[in-house]
Amino acid sequence: MNLQALVDAMNEASSRERGNYHLTLGALVEALSAAEPEAIVVFDFDAAVSPSAPESYRGYYSDLSFPPASSPITAGELLKEARDAIGNTFEGYKGGDFTMHDETPLWASAYGSASGIAIMGMTRVGDRYVLTTKQID
C-alpha cells in the first residue's frame, strides 16, 4: 500500500466516525431539498449569520466547512452549493486534495480556523431554517 492510500484510508475511517454525530453533506442536501427555496438559512449561534460557500475544514481537511458570513443565503442557494460540493475536490488548508461525498461531516468555521463548531442538524424556526451547531473540543 502506498503512503497516500494509507492516509486516504485513515481519513475515510475518521470521517465516517464523525459522520455518526455530525450532519453530513448528503443529509444537508436531503434536508434542503425539502425546504422552501426562498427561506433564509442562518446558524443557531447568531441569527444574523448565514453559511457561505463551502471549503475544506482546517481541523480535518477531508471534512467540509460552510464558513459564517453576514450575507444572507436562501435554502435554494445553499442547496446548490451543497450539491456542487458532492464529488468536488477541495484543497486542504496546508495543501492536499480532498474529494467531498455524501458522508462528509460538516462544520461552521471561518477559513483557517479549527474552531470545532460542528453542524448537527437543520430545523425550521418561523420563516427561516436554522443550522444547529455544537462546539466540539
N, C-alpha and C. Protein backbone atom coordinates (compact mmCIF):
# COMPACT_ATOMS: atom_id res chain seq x y z
N MET A 1 0.86 -1.18 0.00
CA MET A 1 0.00 0.00 0.00
C MET A 1 0.90 1.23 0.00
N ASN A 2 0.60 2.18 -0.88
CA ASN A 2 1.41 3.40 -0.88
C ASN A 2 0.98 4.34 0.24
N LEU A 3 1.81 5.29 0.54
CA LEU A 3 1.57 6.20 1.65
C LEU A 3 0.28 6.99 1.48
N GLN A 4 0.01 7.49 0.27
CA GLN A 4 -1.21 8.27 0.04
C GLN A 4 -2.46 7.42 0.27
N ALA A 5 -2.43 6.18 -0.16
CA ALA A 5 -3.58 5.29 0.05
C ALA A 5 -3.81 5.06 1.54
N LEU A 6 -2.73 4.93 2.30
CA LEU A 6 -2.85 4.75 3.75
C LEU A 6 -3.47 5.99 4.40
N VAL A 7 -2.99 7.16 4.04
CA VAL A 7 -3.53 8.41 4.58
C VAL A 7 -5.00 8.55 4.20
N ASP A 8 -5.34 8.25 2.95
CA ASP A 8 -6.73 8.33 2.50
C ASP A 8 -7.62 7.39 3.30
N ALA A 9 -7.16 6.17 3.56
CA ALA A 9 -7.94 5.20 4.33
C ALA A 9 -8.14 5.67 5.76
N MET A 10 -7.11 6.25 6.35
CA MET A 10 -7.23 6.78 7.72
C MET A 10 -8.21 7.95 7.77
N ASN A 11 -8.12 8.85 6.79
CA ASN A 11 -9.05 9.98 6.72
C ASN A 11 -10.49 9.50 6.56
N GLU A 12 -10.69 8.51 5.72
CA GLU A 12 -12.03 7.98 5.48
C GLU A 12 -12.62 7.37 6.75
N ALA A 13 -11.84 6.60 7.48
CA ALA A 13 -12.32 5.99 8.72
C ALA A 13 -12.67 7.06 9.76
N SER A 14 -11.83 8.05 9.87
CA SER A 14 -12.08 9.14 10.81
C SER A 14 -13.32 9.94 10.41
N SER A 15 -13.47 10.19 9.13
CA SER A 15 -14.62 10.93 8.62
C SER A 15 -15.92 10.16 8.89
N ARG A 16 -15.91 8.84 8.68
CA ARG A 16 -17.10 8.03 8.94
C ARG A 16 -17.50 8.12 10.41
N GLU A 17 -16.53 8.11 11.30
CA GLU A 17 -16.82 8.22 12.73
C GLU A 17 -17.48 9.56 13.05
N ARG A 18 -16.93 10.66 12.52
CA ARG A 18 -17.52 11.97 12.76
C ARG A 18 -18.91 12.07 12.14
N GLY A 19 -19.13 11.37 11.03
CA GLY A 19 -20.43 11.37 10.38
C GLY A 19 -21.53 10.75 11.22
N ASN A 20 -21.15 10.03 12.27
CA ASN A 20 -22.14 9.45 13.17
C ASN A 20 -22.80 10.50 14.06
N TYR A 21 -22.16 11.63 14.26
CA TYR A 21 -22.76 12.66 15.12
C TYR A 21 -22.88 14.02 14.45
N HIS A 22 -22.26 14.22 13.31
CA HIS A 22 -22.39 15.46 12.54
C HIS A 22 -23.51 15.32 11.51
N LEU A 23 -24.02 16.46 11.07
CA LEU A 23 -24.81 16.45 9.86
C LEU A 23 -23.83 16.20 8.72
N THR A 24 -24.20 15.35 7.79
CA THR A 24 -23.33 15.07 6.66
C THR A 24 -23.78 15.88 5.44
N LEU A 25 -22.91 15.96 4.46
CA LEU A 25 -23.23 16.70 3.24
C LEU A 25 -24.47 16.12 2.57
N GLY A 26 -24.57 14.81 2.48
CA GLY A 26 -25.74 14.19 1.87
C GLY A 26 -27.02 14.48 2.64
N ALA A 27 -26.94 14.46 3.98
CA ALA A 27 -28.12 14.76 4.81
C ALA A 27 -28.52 16.23 4.66
N LEU A 28 -27.55 17.12 4.50
CA LEU A 28 -27.87 18.53 4.27
C LEU A 28 -28.59 18.70 2.94
N VAL A 29 -28.10 18.04 1.91
CA VAL A 29 -28.76 18.11 0.59
C VAL A 29 -30.20 17.60 0.70
N GLU A 30 -30.37 16.50 1.41
CA GLU A 30 -31.72 15.94 1.59
C GLU A 30 -32.64 16.92 2.32
N ALA A 31 -32.15 17.52 3.40
CA ALA A 31 -32.96 18.47 4.17
C ALA A 31 -33.29 19.72 3.35
N LEU A 32 -32.29 20.23 2.63
CA LEU A 32 -32.52 21.43 1.83
C LEU A 32 -33.42 21.16 0.63
N SER A 33 -33.42 19.94 0.13
CA SER A 33 -34.29 19.58 -1.00
C SER A 33 -35.76 19.66 -0.60
N ALA A 34 -36.04 19.44 0.67
CA ALA A 34 -37.41 19.50 1.18
C ALA A 34 -37.77 20.90 1.71
N ALA A 35 -36.80 21.80 1.72
CA ALA A 35 -37.00 23.14 2.30
C ALA A 35 -37.62 24.09 1.29
N GLU A 36 -38.22 25.15 1.82
CA GLU A 36 -38.74 26.24 0.99
C GLU A 36 -37.54 26.99 0.41
N PRO A 37 -37.39 27.00 -0.92
CA PRO A 37 -36.15 27.52 -1.52
C PRO A 37 -35.84 28.99 -1.23
N GLU A 38 -36.84 29.81 -1.00
CA GLU A 38 -36.60 31.24 -0.78
C GLU A 38 -36.37 31.62 0.68
N ALA A 39 -36.52 30.64 1.58
CA ALA A 39 -36.32 30.92 3.01
C ALA A 39 -34.83 31.10 3.31
N ILE A 40 -34.53 32.00 4.21
CA ILE A 40 -33.14 32.28 4.61
C ILE A 40 -32.65 31.18 5.56
N VAL A 41 -31.37 30.85 5.45
CA VAL A 41 -30.73 29.87 6.34
C VAL A 41 -29.72 30.62 7.21
N VAL A 42 -29.78 30.38 8.52
CA VAL A 42 -28.87 31.02 9.47
C VAL A 42 -28.32 29.96 10.42
N PHE A 43 -27.31 30.36 11.20
CA PHE A 43 -26.77 29.50 12.24
C PHE A 43 -27.47 29.78 13.57
N ASP A 44 -27.51 28.78 14.44
CA ASP A 44 -28.15 28.97 15.74
C ASP A 44 -27.35 29.87 16.68
N PHE A 45 -26.07 30.06 16.42
CA PHE A 45 -25.26 30.90 17.32
C PHE A 45 -25.38 32.38 17.01
N ASP A 46 -26.01 32.75 15.88
CA ASP A 46 -26.23 34.16 15.53
C ASP A 46 -27.23 34.22 14.39
N ALA A 47 -28.42 34.73 14.67
CA ALA A 47 -29.49 34.78 13.67
C ALA A 47 -29.18 35.73 12.51
N ALA A 48 -28.11 36.51 12.61
CA ALA A 48 -27.72 37.41 11.53
C ALA A 48 -26.60 36.82 10.68
N VAL A 49 -26.23 35.57 10.94
CA VAL A 49 -25.10 34.94 10.25
C VAL A 49 -25.58 33.71 9.49
N SER A 50 -25.24 33.67 8.21
CA SER A 50 -25.59 32.56 7.33
C SER A 50 -24.34 31.81 6.89
N PRO A 51 -24.51 30.58 6.43
CA PRO A 51 -23.35 29.87 5.87
C PRO A 51 -22.99 30.46 4.50
N SER A 52 -21.71 30.36 4.16
CA SER A 52 -21.26 30.82 2.84
C SER A 52 -20.71 29.63 2.06
N ALA A 53 -20.09 29.90 0.93
CA ALA A 53 -19.58 28.85 0.05
C ALA A 53 -18.65 27.89 0.81
N PRO A 54 -18.79 26.61 0.57
CA PRO A 54 -18.00 25.62 1.32
C PRO A 54 -16.53 25.61 0.96
N GLU A 55 -15.74 25.12 1.93
CA GLU A 55 -14.30 24.95 1.75
C GLU A 55 -13.86 23.80 2.66
N SER A 56 -12.68 23.30 2.42
CA SER A 56 -12.11 22.27 3.28
C SER A 56 -11.96 22.84 4.69
N TYR A 57 -12.34 22.04 5.69
CA TYR A 57 -12.24 22.47 7.09
C TYR A 57 -10.81 22.27 7.59
N ARG A 58 -10.26 23.26 8.24
CA ARG A 58 -8.87 23.18 8.68
C ARG A 58 -8.64 22.09 9.71
N GLY A 59 -9.61 21.83 10.56
CA GLY A 59 -9.44 20.81 11.59
C GLY A 59 -9.27 19.41 11.03
N TYR A 60 -10.04 19.10 9.99
CA TYR A 60 -9.95 17.83 9.26
C TYR A 60 -10.13 18.20 7.79
N TYR A 61 -9.08 18.19 7.05
CA TYR A 61 -9.14 18.65 5.66
C TYR A 61 -10.13 17.85 4.82
N SER A 62 -10.41 16.62 5.22
CA SER A 62 -11.34 15.78 4.47
C SER A 62 -12.79 16.13 4.78
N ASP A 63 -13.03 17.02 5.75
CA ASP A 63 -14.38 17.49 6.09
C ASP A 63 -14.63 18.82 5.41
N LEU A 64 -15.88 19.25 5.44
CA LEU A 64 -16.28 20.47 4.74
C LEU A 64 -16.80 21.50 5.74
N SER A 65 -16.42 22.75 5.54
CA SER A 65 -16.91 23.84 6.36
C SER A 65 -17.73 24.80 5.51
N PHE A 66 -18.83 25.27 6.08
CA PHE A 66 -19.61 26.36 5.50
C PHE A 66 -19.35 27.56 6.40
N PRO A 67 -18.35 28.39 6.06
CA PRO A 67 -17.96 29.49 6.94
C PRO A 67 -19.11 30.48 7.20
N PRO A 68 -19.18 31.00 8.42
CA PRO A 68 -20.17 32.02 8.74
C PRO A 68 -19.93 33.30 7.95
N ALA A 69 -21.04 33.93 7.51
CA ALA A 69 -20.95 35.18 6.75
C ALA A 69 -22.15 36.05 7.08
N SER A 70 -21.97 37.35 6.92
CA SER A 70 -23.07 38.28 7.21
C SER A 70 -24.05 38.40 6.05
N SER A 71 -23.68 37.90 4.88
CA SER A 71 -24.59 37.93 3.73
C SER A 71 -25.59 36.79 3.84
N PRO A 72 -26.89 37.09 3.74
CA PRO A 72 -27.88 36.02 3.84
C PRO A 72 -27.81 35.07 2.64
N ILE A 73 -28.20 33.84 2.88
CA ILE A 73 -28.28 32.83 1.82
C ILE A 73 -29.62 32.12 1.94
N THR A 74 -30.24 31.82 0.81
CA THR A 74 -31.50 31.10 0.83
C THR A 74 -31.24 29.60 0.85
N ALA A 75 -32.27 28.85 1.20
CA ALA A 75 -32.17 27.39 1.19
C ALA A 75 -31.86 26.90 -0.22
N GLY A 76 -32.44 27.53 -1.23
CA GLY A 76 -32.16 27.14 -2.61
C GLY A 76 -30.72 27.38 -3.01
N GLU A 77 -30.17 28.51 -2.60
CA GLU A 77 -28.77 28.82 -2.91
C GLU A 77 -27.82 27.87 -2.18
N LEU A 78 -28.13 27.59 -0.90
CA LEU A 78 -27.29 26.68 -0.12
C LEU A 78 -27.39 25.27 -0.69
N LEU A 79 -28.57 24.87 -1.15
CA LEU A 79 -28.74 23.57 -1.77
C LEU A 79 -27.82 23.43 -2.98
N LYS A 80 -27.76 24.46 -3.81
CA LYS A 80 -26.88 24.42 -4.99
C LYS A 80 -25.42 24.27 -4.55
N GLU A 81 -24.99 25.05 -3.55
CA GLU A 81 -23.61 24.96 -3.05
C GLU A 81 -23.32 23.55 -2.53
N ALA A 82 -24.26 22.98 -1.77
CA ALA A 82 -24.06 21.65 -1.19
C ALA A 82 -24.01 20.58 -2.28
N ARG A 83 -24.95 20.64 -3.22
CA ARG A 83 -24.93 19.67 -4.33
C ARG A 83 -23.65 19.76 -5.13
N ASP A 84 -23.21 20.98 -5.41
CA ASP A 84 -21.98 21.17 -6.19
C ASP A 84 -20.75 20.64 -5.46
N ALA A 85 -20.79 20.60 -4.13
CA ALA A 85 -19.64 20.13 -3.35
C ALA A 85 -19.48 18.61 -3.44
N ILE A 86 -20.58 17.89 -3.64
CA ILE A 86 -20.50 16.42 -3.70
C ILE A 86 -19.70 16.02 -4.94
N GLY A 87 -18.65 15.26 -4.71
CA GLY A 87 -17.77 14.82 -5.80
C GLY A 87 -16.73 15.85 -6.20
N ASN A 88 -16.80 17.03 -5.60
CA ASN A 88 -15.84 18.10 -5.90
C ASN A 88 -14.61 17.95 -5.00
N THR A 89 -13.47 18.34 -5.52
CA THR A 89 -12.22 18.27 -4.77
C THR A 89 -11.85 19.65 -4.25
N PHE A 90 -11.52 19.70 -2.96
CA PHE A 90 -11.14 20.94 -2.29
C PHE A 90 -9.70 20.81 -1.82
N GLU A 91 -8.99 21.91 -1.84
CA GLU A 91 -7.62 21.92 -1.35
C GLU A 91 -7.62 22.14 0.16
N GLY A 92 -6.85 21.33 0.89
CA GLY A 92 -6.72 21.48 2.33
C GLY A 92 -5.98 22.76 2.67
N TYR A 93 -6.12 23.22 3.90
CA TYR A 93 -5.53 24.49 4.34
C TYR A 93 -4.03 24.54 4.10
N LYS A 94 -3.34 23.43 4.35
CA LYS A 94 -1.90 23.39 4.13
C LYS A 94 -1.54 22.49 2.95
N GLY A 95 -2.51 22.29 2.07
CA GLY A 95 -2.25 21.50 0.86
C GLY A 95 -2.98 20.18 0.85
N GLY A 96 -2.88 19.49 -0.25
CA GLY A 96 -3.54 18.21 -0.43
C GLY A 96 -4.92 18.41 -1.04
N ASP A 97 -5.38 17.40 -1.75
CA ASP A 97 -6.70 17.44 -2.39
C ASP A 97 -7.63 16.47 -1.69
N PHE A 98 -8.86 16.93 -1.42
CA PHE A 98 -9.83 16.15 -0.67
C PHE A 98 -11.17 16.21 -1.38
N THR A 99 -11.65 15.05 -1.81
CA THR A 99 -12.92 14.97 -2.52
C THR A 99 -14.05 14.75 -1.52
N MET A 100 -15.08 15.57 -1.61
CA MET A 100 -16.22 15.50 -0.69
C MET A 100 -17.27 14.55 -1.24
N HIS A 101 -18.01 13.92 -0.33
CA HIS A 101 -19.02 12.93 -0.71
C HIS A 101 -20.22 13.05 0.23
N ASP A 102 -21.23 12.22 0.01
CA ASP A 102 -22.45 12.27 0.82
C ASP A 102 -22.20 12.16 2.31
N GLU A 103 -21.21 11.38 2.72
CA GLU A 103 -20.96 11.13 4.13
C GLU A 103 -19.98 12.11 4.77
N THR A 104 -19.59 13.16 4.06
CA THR A 104 -18.65 14.15 4.58
C THR A 104 -19.27 14.92 5.74
N PRO A 105 -18.63 14.95 6.93
CA PRO A 105 -19.13 15.74 8.06
C PRO A 105 -18.99 17.25 7.80
N LEU A 106 -19.89 18.02 8.39
CA LEU A 106 -19.94 19.47 8.15
C LEU A 106 -19.60 20.28 9.40
N TRP A 107 -18.96 21.42 9.14
CA TRP A 107 -18.53 22.35 10.19
C TRP A 107 -18.95 23.77 9.82
N ALA A 108 -18.90 24.67 10.81
CA ALA A 108 -19.21 26.08 10.62
C ALA A 108 -18.04 26.90 11.11
N SER A 109 -16.96 26.90 10.36
CA SER A 109 -15.74 27.59 10.78
C SER A 109 -15.20 28.47 9.68
N ALA A 110 -14.69 29.62 10.07
CA ALA A 110 -14.10 30.56 9.11
C ALA A 110 -12.82 29.97 8.53
N TYR A 111 -12.41 30.47 7.38
CA TYR A 111 -11.21 30.00 6.70
C TYR A 111 -10.02 30.02 7.66
N GLY A 112 -9.31 28.91 7.73
CA GLY A 112 -8.12 28.82 8.55
C GLY A 112 -8.39 28.52 10.02
N SER A 113 -9.66 28.48 10.41
CA SER A 113 -9.99 28.24 11.81
C SER A 113 -10.32 26.77 12.03
N ALA A 114 -9.77 26.22 13.08
CA ALA A 114 -10.11 24.86 13.50
C ALA A 114 -10.92 24.97 14.79
N SER A 115 -11.95 25.81 14.75
CA SER A 115 -12.71 26.17 15.95
C SER A 115 -13.52 25.04 16.53
N GLY A 116 -13.87 24.03 15.75
CA GLY A 116 -14.62 22.91 16.27
C GLY A 116 -16.10 23.16 16.41
N ILE A 117 -16.69 23.98 15.55
CA ILE A 117 -18.14 24.19 15.58
C ILE A 117 -18.76 23.23 14.56
N ALA A 118 -19.31 22.13 15.07
CA ALA A 118 -19.90 21.10 14.22
C ALA A 118 -21.33 21.49 13.86
N ILE A 119 -21.71 21.25 12.61
CA ILE A 119 -23.11 21.41 12.20
C ILE A 119 -23.80 20.09 12.52
N MET A 120 -24.85 20.15 13.32
CA MET A 120 -25.51 18.95 13.83
C MET A 120 -26.85 18.66 13.14
N GLY A 121 -27.51 19.68 12.62
CA GLY A 121 -28.81 19.47 12.01
C GLY A 121 -29.39 20.77 11.47
N MET A 122 -30.62 20.68 10.97
CA MET A 122 -31.31 21.85 10.45
C MET A 122 -32.77 21.76 10.86
N THR A 123 -33.30 22.88 11.38
CA THR A 123 -34.69 22.93 11.78
C THR A 123 -35.35 24.18 11.21
N ARG A 124 -36.65 24.15 11.13
CA ARG A 124 -37.43 25.32 10.69
C ARG A 124 -37.83 26.10 11.92
N VAL A 125 -37.54 27.40 11.92
CA VAL A 125 -37.93 28.28 13.02
C VAL A 125 -38.57 29.50 12.38
N GLY A 126 -39.89 29.61 12.48
CA GLY A 126 -40.60 30.72 11.85
C GLY A 126 -40.43 30.66 10.34
N ASP A 127 -39.95 31.76 9.77
CA ASP A 127 -39.79 31.84 8.32
C ASP A 127 -38.37 31.50 7.86
N ARG A 128 -37.55 30.94 8.76
CA ARG A 128 -36.14 30.63 8.45
C ARG A 128 -35.83 29.16 8.74
N TYR A 129 -34.70 28.76 8.21
CA TYR A 129 -34.12 27.46 8.58
C TYR A 129 -32.87 27.76 9.40
N VAL A 130 -32.72 27.02 10.48
CA VAL A 130 -31.61 27.24 11.40
C VAL A 130 -30.72 26.00 11.41
N LEU A 131 -29.44 26.21 11.12
CA LEU A 131 -28.46 25.13 11.24
C LEU A 131 -28.04 25.06 12.70
N THR A 132 -28.30 23.94 13.34
CA THR A 132 -27.94 23.78 14.74
C THR A 132 -26.48 23.31 14.81
N THR A 133 -25.78 23.84 15.79
CA THR A 133 -24.34 23.56 15.91
C THR A 133 -24.01 23.12 17.32
N LYS A 134 -22.79 22.59 17.45
CA LYS A 134 -22.29 22.19 18.77
C LYS A 134 -20.77 22.38 18.76
N GLN A 135 -20.28 22.98 19.83
CA GLN A 135 -18.83 23.13 19.98
C GLN A 135 -18.24 21.76 20.30
N ILE A 136 -17.27 21.35 19.50
CA ILE A 136 -16.58 20.07 19.71
C ILE A 136 -15.16 20.37 20.14
N ASP A 137 -14.77 19.91 21.30
CA ASP A 137 -13.42 20.18 21.79
C ASP A 137 -12.44 19.12 21.38
